[in-house]
Amino acid sequence: MDRRKVQACLPDKHIHLITEEDDAAIAGIIRENLEKYHLDIPGTAYFDPELDHLSGYYNSRPEQRAYFILTDEAGRVIGGVGIAEFQGCRHCVEIQKLYLETHSNLKAAIHMYEKYGFRLIGQPQTVVHGTMDRFYVKDISAEKIKGRYAKKHEFDD
């Protein structure tokens, strides 16, 4: 993945690919939100060794990973989202299915996932964060992506 091409395609000047300068702010936001929902416990991103250096993790394999940072008008980091390879998805070469894990404490997040068409599935064999107890998938193979349709592959759920 060519980072310059990806950055040029981003629709908003307040979204950019993660850099080292974003690491402390996004780690703080993630920790603060996990604490708010009493998820500052083992088996969550709270204890991921990469959390304080997300730019290093995502930028170490740019062909398979990306982390997008959202900033406010003053340039302060206010959120982010990452995508990375997932071992529980056979034949995933392109983004064809979106998989996420969450916790039942995060009611607003669950509502949003369901509103946007994510389907609740059973716990996959491979789980990134063991404390998470809700797993969702969304098939985007039938959705138009930059004028093309992705091929459909089965998800291991």
N, C-alpha and C. Protein backbone atom coordinates (compact mmCIF):
# COMPACT_ATOMS: atom_id res chain seq x y z
N MET A 1 0.85 -1.17 0.00
CA MET A 1 0.00 0.00 0.00
C MET A 1 0.90 1.23 0.00
N ASP A 2 0.70 2.10 -0.95
CA ASP A 2 1.47 3.33 -1.04
C ASP A 2 0.81 4.38 -0.14
N ARG A 3 1.49 4.71 0.95
CA ARG A 3 0.92 5.63 1.95
C ARG A 3 0.54 6.98 1.33
N ARG A 4 1.35 7.47 0.38
CA ARG A 4 1.03 8.76 -0.24
C ARG A 4 -0.26 8.69 -1.03
N LYS A 5 -0.47 7.58 -1.75
CA LYS A 5 -1.71 7.43 -2.52
C LYS A 5 -2.91 7.31 -1.59
N VAL A 6 -2.75 6.55 -0.50
CA VAL A 6 -3.85 6.40 0.46
C VAL A 6 -4.18 7.76 1.06
N GLN A 7 -3.18 8.49 1.50
CA GLN A 7 -3.41 9.80 2.11
C GLN A 7 -4.10 10.74 1.13
N ALA A 8 -3.70 10.69 -0.13
CA ALA A 8 -4.30 11.57 -1.14
C ALA A 8 -5.77 11.25 -1.38
N CYS A 9 -6.19 10.01 -1.14
CA CYS A 9 -7.58 9.60 -1.36
C CYS A 9 -8.49 9.90 -0.18
N LEU A 10 -7.92 10.27 0.96
CA LEU A 10 -8.75 10.51 2.14
C LEU A 10 -9.63 11.73 1.90
N PRO A 11 -10.93 11.61 2.21
CA PRO A 11 -11.90 12.64 1.83
C PRO A 11 -11.90 13.89 2.71
N ASP A 12 -11.17 13.89 3.79
CA ASP A 12 -11.28 14.97 4.76
C ASP A 12 -9.89 15.36 5.23
N LYS A 13 -9.66 16.65 5.33
CA LYS A 13 -8.34 17.12 5.78
C LYS A 13 -8.07 16.79 7.24
N HIS A 14 -9.11 16.36 7.96
CA HIS A 14 -8.95 16.03 9.37
C HIS A 14 -8.68 14.54 9.60
N ILE A 15 -8.45 13.79 8.53
CA ILE A 15 -8.14 12.37 8.62
C ILE A 15 -6.76 12.16 8.00
N HIS A 16 -5.90 11.46 8.73
CA HIS A 16 -4.59 11.14 8.18
C HIS A 16 -4.11 9.79 8.69
N LEU A 17 -3.16 9.22 8.00
CA LEU A 17 -2.55 7.97 8.46
C LEU A 17 -1.72 8.26 9.70
N ILE A 18 -1.71 7.34 10.62
CA ILE A 18 -1.02 7.53 11.90
C ILE A 18 0.48 7.77 11.72
N THR A 19 1.01 8.65 12.57
CA THR A 19 2.45 8.90 12.65
C THR A 19 2.87 8.77 14.11
N GLU A 20 4.16 8.75 14.36
CA GLU A 20 4.66 8.66 15.74
C GLU A 20 4.11 9.78 16.61
N GLU A 21 3.88 10.95 16.03
CA GLU A 21 3.38 12.09 16.78
C GLU A 21 1.97 11.84 17.33
N ASP A 22 1.24 10.90 16.76
CA ASP A 22 -0.12 10.60 17.20
C ASP A 22 -0.18 9.55 18.31
N ASP A 23 0.91 8.81 18.51
CA ASP A 23 0.89 7.65 19.39
C ASP A 23 0.39 7.93 20.81
N ALA A 24 0.94 8.92 21.47
CA ALA A 24 0.57 9.18 22.87
C ALA A 24 -0.90 9.59 22.98
N ALA A 25 -1.36 10.44 22.06
CA ALA A 25 -2.74 10.92 22.13
C ALA A 25 -3.74 9.79 21.90
N ILE A 26 -3.52 8.97 20.89
CA ILE A 26 -4.49 7.91 20.60
C ILE A 26 -4.45 6.83 21.68
N ALA A 27 -3.28 6.53 22.22
CA ALA A 27 -3.21 5.57 23.32
C ALA A 27 -3.98 6.09 24.53
N GLY A 28 -3.88 7.38 24.80
CA GLY A 28 -4.62 7.98 25.90
C GLY A 28 -6.12 7.91 25.69
N ILE A 29 -6.57 8.18 24.48
CA ILE A 29 -8.00 8.11 24.17
C ILE A 29 -8.52 6.69 24.34
N ILE A 30 -7.78 5.72 23.85
CA ILE A 30 -8.20 4.32 23.95
C ILE A 30 -8.27 3.91 25.42
N ARG A 31 -7.23 4.22 26.18
CA ARG A 31 -7.22 3.85 27.61
C ARG A 31 -8.36 4.54 28.37
N GLU A 32 -8.55 5.82 28.11
CA GLU A 32 -9.61 6.56 28.80
C GLU A 32 -10.98 5.94 28.54
N ASN A 33 -11.24 5.56 27.30
CA ASN A 33 -12.54 4.96 26.97
C ASN A 33 -12.70 3.58 27.57
N LEU A 34 -11.65 2.79 27.59
CA LEU A 34 -11.74 1.47 28.22
C LEU A 34 -11.96 1.60 29.73
N GLU A 35 -11.31 2.58 30.36
CA GLU A 35 -11.52 2.82 31.78
C GLU A 35 -12.97 3.25 32.05
N LYS A 36 -13.50 4.10 31.20
CA LYS A 36 -14.87 4.59 31.35
C LYS A 36 -15.88 3.44 31.40
N TYR A 37 -15.61 2.38 30.64
CA TYR A 37 -16.53 1.23 30.58
C TYR A 37 -16.03 0.04 31.38
N HIS A 38 -15.10 0.30 32.30
CA HIS A 38 -14.56 -0.73 33.20
C HIS A 38 -13.92 -1.89 32.43
N LEU A 39 -13.27 -1.54 31.32
CA LEU A 39 -12.60 -2.55 30.50
C LEU A 39 -11.08 -2.36 30.51
N ASP A 40 -10.58 -1.73 31.55
CA ASP A 40 -9.13 -1.60 31.72
C ASP A 40 -8.62 -2.85 32.44
N ILE A 41 -8.83 -3.97 31.78
CA ILE A 41 -8.53 -5.29 32.34
C ILE A 41 -7.78 -6.13 31.30
N PRO A 42 -7.09 -7.16 31.76
CA PRO A 42 -6.40 -8.03 30.80
C PRO A 42 -7.38 -8.61 29.78
N GLY A 43 -6.88 -8.81 28.57
CA GLY A 43 -7.71 -9.35 27.51
C GLY A 43 -8.38 -8.27 26.68
N THR A 44 -7.99 -7.00 26.90
CA THR A 44 -8.48 -5.88 26.09
C THR A 44 -7.27 -5.15 25.51
N ALA A 45 -7.53 -4.21 24.63
CA ALA A 45 -6.45 -3.42 24.04
C ALA A 45 -5.69 -2.62 25.09
N TYR A 46 -6.28 -2.44 26.26
CA TYR A 46 -5.66 -1.68 27.34
C TYR A 46 -4.25 -2.19 27.64
N PHE A 47 -4.08 -3.50 27.56
CA PHE A 47 -2.79 -4.10 27.89
C PHE A 47 -1.99 -4.55 26.67
N ASP A 48 -2.43 -4.19 25.46
CA ASP A 48 -1.67 -4.54 24.26
C ASP A 48 -0.30 -3.88 24.31
N PRO A 49 0.76 -4.64 24.08
CA PRO A 49 2.10 -4.05 24.11
C PRO A 49 2.29 -2.99 23.02
N GLU A 50 1.51 -3.05 21.96
CA GLU A 50 1.64 -2.09 20.85
C GLU A 50 0.90 -0.78 21.11
N LEU A 51 0.07 -0.72 22.14
CA LEU A 51 -0.82 0.43 22.32
C LEU A 51 -0.08 1.77 22.37
N ASP A 52 1.06 1.82 23.00
CA ASP A 52 1.79 3.09 23.10
C ASP A 52 2.57 3.42 21.84
N HIS A 53 2.60 2.48 20.91
CA HIS A 53 3.37 2.67 19.67
C HIS A 53 2.58 2.14 18.48
N LEU A 54 1.32 2.56 18.37
CA LEU A 54 0.48 2.06 17.29
C LEU A 54 1.05 2.38 15.91
N SER A 55 1.70 3.52 15.77
CA SER A 55 2.27 3.87 14.46
C SER A 55 3.32 2.83 14.05
N GLY A 56 4.13 2.38 14.98
CA GLY A 56 5.13 1.36 14.67
C GLY A 56 4.50 0.06 14.25
N TYR A 57 3.43 -0.34 14.95
CA TYR A 57 2.74 -1.58 14.62
C TYR A 57 2.11 -1.49 13.23
N TYR A 58 1.32 -0.46 12.99
CA TYR A 58 0.61 -0.35 11.71
C TYR A 58 1.55 -0.03 10.55
N ASN A 59 2.56 0.76 10.78
CA ASN A 59 3.46 1.14 9.69
C ASN A 59 4.52 0.08 9.40
N SER A 60 4.64 -0.93 10.27
CA SER A 60 5.63 -1.99 10.01
C SER A 60 5.20 -2.91 8.87
N ARG A 61 3.91 -2.95 8.58
CA ARG A 61 3.39 -3.78 7.47
C ARG A 61 2.32 -2.98 6.72
N PRO A 62 2.73 -1.90 6.06
CA PRO A 62 1.75 -1.01 5.43
C PRO A 62 0.95 -1.66 4.31
N GLU A 63 1.42 -2.77 3.78
CA GLU A 63 0.65 -3.47 2.75
C GLU A 63 -0.53 -4.24 3.34
N GLN A 64 -0.53 -4.45 4.66
CA GLN A 64 -1.59 -5.20 5.31
C GLN A 64 -2.29 -4.44 6.43
N ARG A 65 -1.76 -3.29 6.80
CA ARG A 65 -2.29 -2.56 7.95
C ARG A 65 -2.39 -1.07 7.66
N ALA A 66 -3.37 -0.44 8.28
CA ALA A 66 -3.48 1.02 8.22
C ALA A 66 -4.23 1.49 9.46
N TYR A 67 -3.84 2.63 9.98
CA TYR A 67 -4.53 3.23 11.11
C TYR A 67 -4.79 4.68 10.75
N PHE A 68 -6.06 5.08 10.82
CA PHE A 68 -6.46 6.42 10.44
C PHE A 68 -6.77 7.23 11.69
N ILE A 69 -6.25 8.44 11.73
CA ILE A 69 -6.41 9.36 12.86
C ILE A 69 -7.37 10.47 12.45
N LEU A 70 -8.27 10.81 13.36
CA LEU A 70 -9.19 11.93 13.17
C LEU A 70 -8.76 13.05 14.09
N THR A 71 -8.65 14.26 13.54
CA THR A 71 -8.28 15.43 14.35
C THR A 71 -9.38 16.47 14.30
N ASP A 72 -9.39 17.34 15.32
CA ASP A 72 -10.35 18.44 15.33
C ASP A 72 -9.78 19.63 14.55
N GLU A 73 -10.48 20.74 14.55
CA GLU A 73 -10.06 21.93 13.80
C GLU A 73 -8.68 22.44 14.23
N ALA A 74 -8.34 22.22 15.51
CA ALA A 74 -7.05 22.67 16.03
C ALA A 74 -5.93 21.66 15.78
N GLY A 75 -6.26 20.52 15.17
CA GLY A 75 -5.25 19.51 14.90
C GLY A 75 -5.04 18.51 16.02
N ARG A 76 -5.89 18.57 17.06
CA ARG A 76 -5.78 17.62 18.17
C ARG A 76 -6.42 16.29 17.80
N VAL A 77 -5.78 15.20 18.20
CA VAL A 77 -6.30 13.87 17.93
C VAL A 77 -7.57 13.65 18.75
N ILE A 78 -8.65 13.24 18.08
CA ILE A 78 -9.91 12.98 18.79
C ILE A 78 -10.40 11.55 18.59
N GLY A 79 -9.72 10.78 17.75
CA GLY A 79 -10.14 9.39 17.55
C GLY A 79 -9.33 8.72 16.47
N GLY A 80 -9.59 7.44 16.29
CA GLY A 80 -8.88 6.70 15.26
C GLY A 80 -9.49 5.34 15.05
N VAL A 81 -9.10 4.71 13.95
CA VAL A 81 -9.57 3.37 13.63
C VAL A 81 -8.48 2.67 12.81
N GLY A 82 -8.29 1.40 13.11
CA GLY A 82 -7.26 0.65 12.40
C GLY A 82 -7.82 -0.57 11.71
N ILE A 83 -7.15 -0.98 10.65
CA ILE A 83 -7.45 -2.24 9.99
C ILE A 83 -6.15 -3.02 9.88
N ALA A 84 -6.24 -4.31 10.07
CA ALA A 84 -5.05 -5.16 10.00
C ALA A 84 -5.47 -6.57 9.60
N GLU A 85 -4.49 -7.36 9.21
CA GLU A 85 -4.76 -8.74 8.84
C GLU A 85 -5.35 -9.48 10.04
N PHE A 86 -6.18 -10.48 9.74
CA PHE A 86 -6.83 -11.26 10.79
C PHE A 86 -6.73 -12.72 10.41
N GLN A 87 -6.13 -13.52 11.26
CA GLN A 87 -5.88 -14.92 10.96
C GLN A 87 -7.15 -15.75 10.88
N GLY A 88 -8.27 -15.27 11.42
CA GLY A 88 -9.50 -16.03 11.42
C GLY A 88 -10.27 -15.95 10.12
N CYS A 89 -9.75 -15.25 9.14
CA CYS A 89 -10.45 -15.08 7.87
C CYS A 89 -9.64 -15.72 6.75
N ARG A 90 -10.13 -16.87 6.29
CA ARG A 90 -9.48 -17.59 5.21
C ARG A 90 -9.66 -16.85 3.90
N HIS A 91 -8.65 -16.81 3.07
CA HIS A 91 -8.70 -16.24 1.73
C HIS A 91 -8.91 -14.73 1.72
N CYS A 92 -8.58 -14.04 2.78
CA CYS A 92 -8.76 -12.59 2.78
C CYS A 92 -7.53 -11.93 2.19
N VAL A 93 -7.65 -11.52 0.96
CA VAL A 93 -6.57 -10.82 0.30
C VAL A 93 -6.96 -9.35 0.17
N GLU A 94 -8.20 -9.11 -0.10
CA GLU A 94 -8.74 -7.76 -0.15
C GLU A 94 -9.69 -7.61 1.03
N ILE A 95 -10.13 -6.42 1.26
CA ILE A 95 -11.14 -6.24 2.30
C ILE A 95 -12.47 -6.68 1.72
N GLN A 96 -12.97 -7.79 2.21
CA GLN A 96 -14.23 -8.33 1.74
C GLN A 96 -15.22 -8.44 2.88
N LYS A 97 -14.70 -8.65 4.07
CA LYS A 97 -15.55 -8.71 5.25
C LYS A 97 -14.87 -7.89 6.33
N LEU A 98 -15.66 -7.13 7.02
CA LEU A 98 -15.15 -6.40 8.17
C LEU A 98 -15.50 -7.19 9.41
N TYR A 99 -14.49 -7.42 10.24
CA TYR A 99 -14.68 -8.18 11.48
C TYR A 99 -14.32 -7.27 12.62
N LEU A 100 -15.10 -7.32 13.69
CA LEU A 100 -14.73 -6.57 14.87
C LEU A 100 -15.16 -7.32 16.12
N GLU A 101 -14.45 -7.00 17.17
CA GLU A 101 -14.77 -7.58 18.47
C GLU A 101 -15.06 -6.43 19.41
N THR A 102 -15.99 -6.64 20.33
CA THR A 102 -16.36 -5.60 21.27
C THR A 102 -16.82 -6.25 22.57
N HIS A 103 -17.30 -5.46 23.47
CA HIS A 103 -17.74 -5.98 24.76
C HIS A 103 -19.19 -5.55 24.99
N SER A 104 -19.95 -6.38 25.67
CA SER A 104 -21.36 -6.09 25.92
C SER A 104 -21.57 -4.81 26.74
N ASN A 105 -20.54 -4.34 27.45
CA ASN A 105 -20.64 -3.06 28.17
C ASN A 105 -20.76 -1.87 27.22
N LEU A 106 -20.33 -2.02 26.00
CA LEU A 106 -20.27 -0.91 25.05
C LEU A 106 -21.56 -0.83 24.24
N LYS A 107 -22.63 -0.50 24.92
CA LYS A 107 -23.97 -0.50 24.31
C LYS A 107 -24.08 0.43 23.10
N ALA A 108 -23.51 1.63 23.21
CA ALA A 108 -23.59 2.58 22.09
C ALA A 108 -22.86 2.04 20.87
N ALA A 109 -21.72 1.42 21.08
CA ALA A 109 -20.96 0.85 19.96
C ALA A 109 -21.75 -0.28 19.31
N ILE A 110 -22.32 -1.15 20.13
CA ILE A 110 -23.11 -2.28 19.61
C ILE A 110 -24.28 -1.76 18.78
N HIS A 111 -24.95 -0.73 19.29
CA HIS A 111 -26.07 -0.14 18.55
C HIS A 111 -25.60 0.38 17.19
N MET A 112 -24.46 1.06 17.16
CA MET A 112 -23.94 1.60 15.91
C MET A 112 -23.56 0.47 14.95
N TYR A 113 -22.89 -0.56 15.44
CA TYR A 113 -22.50 -1.68 14.55
C TYR A 113 -23.73 -2.30 13.92
N GLU A 114 -24.76 -2.55 14.72
CA GLU A 114 -25.98 -3.17 14.20
C GLU A 114 -26.71 -2.24 13.24
N LYS A 115 -26.72 -0.95 13.54
CA LYS A 115 -27.36 0.02 12.66
C LYS A 115 -26.71 0.03 11.28
N TYR A 116 -25.39 -0.16 11.23
CA TYR A 116 -24.67 -0.12 9.97
C TYR A 116 -24.47 -1.49 9.34
N GLY A 117 -25.28 -2.46 9.77
CA GLY A 117 -25.33 -3.73 9.06
C GLY A 117 -24.35 -4.80 9.50
N PHE A 118 -23.68 -4.62 10.62
CA PHE A 118 -22.82 -5.68 11.13
C PHE A 118 -23.71 -6.77 11.73
N ARG A 119 -23.32 -8.01 11.52
CA ARG A 119 -24.10 -9.17 11.98
C ARG A 119 -23.37 -9.85 13.13
N LEU A 120 -24.07 -10.10 14.22
CA LEU A 120 -23.51 -10.79 15.38
C LEU A 120 -23.19 -12.23 14.99
N ILE A 121 -21.98 -12.68 15.34
CA ILE A 121 -21.57 -14.06 15.07
C ILE A 121 -21.08 -14.69 16.36
N GLY A 122 -20.90 -15.98 16.35
CA GLY A 122 -20.31 -16.66 17.49
C GLY A 122 -18.83 -16.31 17.60
N GLN A 123 -18.24 -16.67 18.72
CA GLN A 123 -16.82 -16.36 18.93
C GLN A 123 -15.97 -17.16 17.95
N PRO A 124 -15.14 -16.47 17.15
CA PRO A 124 -14.25 -17.17 16.23
C PRO A 124 -13.19 -17.96 16.98
N GLN A 125 -12.55 -18.89 16.31
CA GLN A 125 -11.47 -19.65 16.95
C GLN A 125 -10.32 -18.75 17.32
N THR A 126 -10.04 -17.75 16.50
CA THR A 126 -8.97 -16.80 16.77
C THR A 126 -9.59 -15.51 17.30
N VAL A 127 -9.18 -15.12 18.51
CA VAL A 127 -9.66 -13.89 19.13
C VAL A 127 -8.45 -13.07 19.53
N VAL A 128 -8.48 -11.79 19.18
CA VAL A 128 -7.34 -10.91 19.49
C VAL A 128 -7.34 -10.52 20.96
N HIS A 129 -8.50 -10.15 21.48
CA HIS A 129 -8.62 -9.71 22.87
C HIS A 129 -9.61 -10.62 23.60
N GLY A 130 -9.09 -11.46 24.48
CA GLY A 130 -9.87 -12.51 25.12
C GLY A 130 -11.04 -12.06 25.96
N THR A 131 -11.05 -10.84 26.45
CA THR A 131 -12.14 -10.37 27.29
C THR A 131 -13.36 -9.95 26.45
N MET A 132 -13.15 -9.68 25.20
CA MET A 132 -14.27 -9.27 24.35
C MET A 132 -15.27 -10.41 24.24
N ASP A 133 -16.56 -10.06 24.30
CA ASP A 133 -17.58 -11.11 24.33
C ASP A 133 -18.65 -10.96 23.25
N ARG A 134 -18.47 -10.02 22.33
CA ARG A 134 -19.38 -9.84 21.20
C ARG A 134 -18.54 -9.72 19.94
N PHE A 135 -18.94 -10.42 18.90
CA PHE A 135 -18.17 -10.45 17.66
C PHE A 135 -19.10 -10.19 16.49
N TYR A 136 -18.68 -9.34 15.60
CA TYR A 136 -19.52 -8.92 14.48
C TYR A 136 -18.76 -9.05 13.17
N VAL A 137 -19.51 -9.23 12.11
CA VAL A 137 -18.95 -9.28 10.77
C VAL A 137 -19.89 -8.54 9.84
N LYS A 138 -19.32 -7.88 8.84
CA LYS A 138 -20.11 -7.24 7.80
C LYS A 138 -19.50 -7.61 6.46
N ASP A 139 -20.32 -8.19 5.60
CA ASP A 139 -19.88 -8.56 4.26
C ASP A 139 -19.98 -7.31 3.40
N ILE A 140 -18.86 -6.85 2.89
CA ILE A 140 -18.87 -5.67 2.02
C ILE A 140 -18.57 -6.06 0.58
N SER A 141 -18.53 -7.36 0.31
CA SER A 141 -18.21 -7.79 -1.04
C SER A 141 -19.27 -7.36 -2.04
N ALA A 142 -20.49 -7.14 -1.60
CA ALA A 142 -21.56 -6.73 -2.50
C ALA A 142 -21.67 -5.21 -2.59
N GLU A 143 -20.87 -4.50 -1.82
CA GLU A 143 -20.91 -3.05 -1.84
C GLU A 143 -19.89 -2.52 -2.83
N LYS A 144 -20.21 -1.45 -3.45
CA LYS A 144 -19.32 -0.86 -4.44
C LYS A 144 -18.13 -0.22 -3.73
N ILE A 145 -16.93 -0.60 -4.17
CA ILE A 145 -15.71 -0.04 -3.59
C ILE A 145 -14.90 0.55 -4.74
N LYS A 146 -14.83 1.88 -4.80
CA LYS A 146 -14.09 2.58 -5.85
C LYS A 146 -14.43 2.06 -7.25
N GLY A 147 -15.72 1.89 -7.49
CA GLY A 147 -16.16 1.50 -8.82
C GLY A 147 -16.03 0.03 -9.14
N ARG A 148 -15.58 -0.79 -8.21
CA ARG A 148 -15.44 -2.23 -8.44
C ARG A 148 -16.17 -3.00 -7.37
N TYR A 149 -16.45 -4.26 -7.66
CA TYR A 149 -17.04 -5.14 -6.68
C TYR A 149 -16.01 -6.17 -6.27
N ALA A 150 -15.82 -6.33 -4.98
CA ALA A 150 -14.87 -7.32 -4.46
C ALA A 150 -15.49 -8.71 -4.58
N LYS A 151 -14.64 -9.74 -4.68
CA LYS A 151 -15.13 -11.12 -4.71
C LYS A 151 -15.56 -11.55 -3.32
N LYS A 152 -16.53 -12.43 -3.26
CA LYS A 152 -17.05 -12.90 -1.99
C LYS A 152 -16.33 -14.17 -1.56
N HIS A 153 -15.89 -14.21 -0.30
CA HIS A 153 -15.27 -15.39 0.27
C HIS A 153 -15.93 -15.68 1.60
N GLU A 154 -15.84 -16.90 2.03
CA GLU A 154 -16.46 -17.31 3.29
C GLU A 154 -15.61 -16.90 4.48
N PHE A 155 -16.27 -16.56 5.57
CA PHE A 155 -15.63 -16.19 6.83
C PHE A 155 -15.70 -17.36 7.77
N ASP A 156 -14.62 -17.59 8.51
CA ASP A 156 -14.61 -18.69 9.49
C ASP A 156 -15.29 -18.22 10.76
N ASP A 157 -16.59 -18.42 10.88
CA ASP A 157 -17.26 -18.04 12.14
C ASP A 157 -17.88 -19.22 12.81
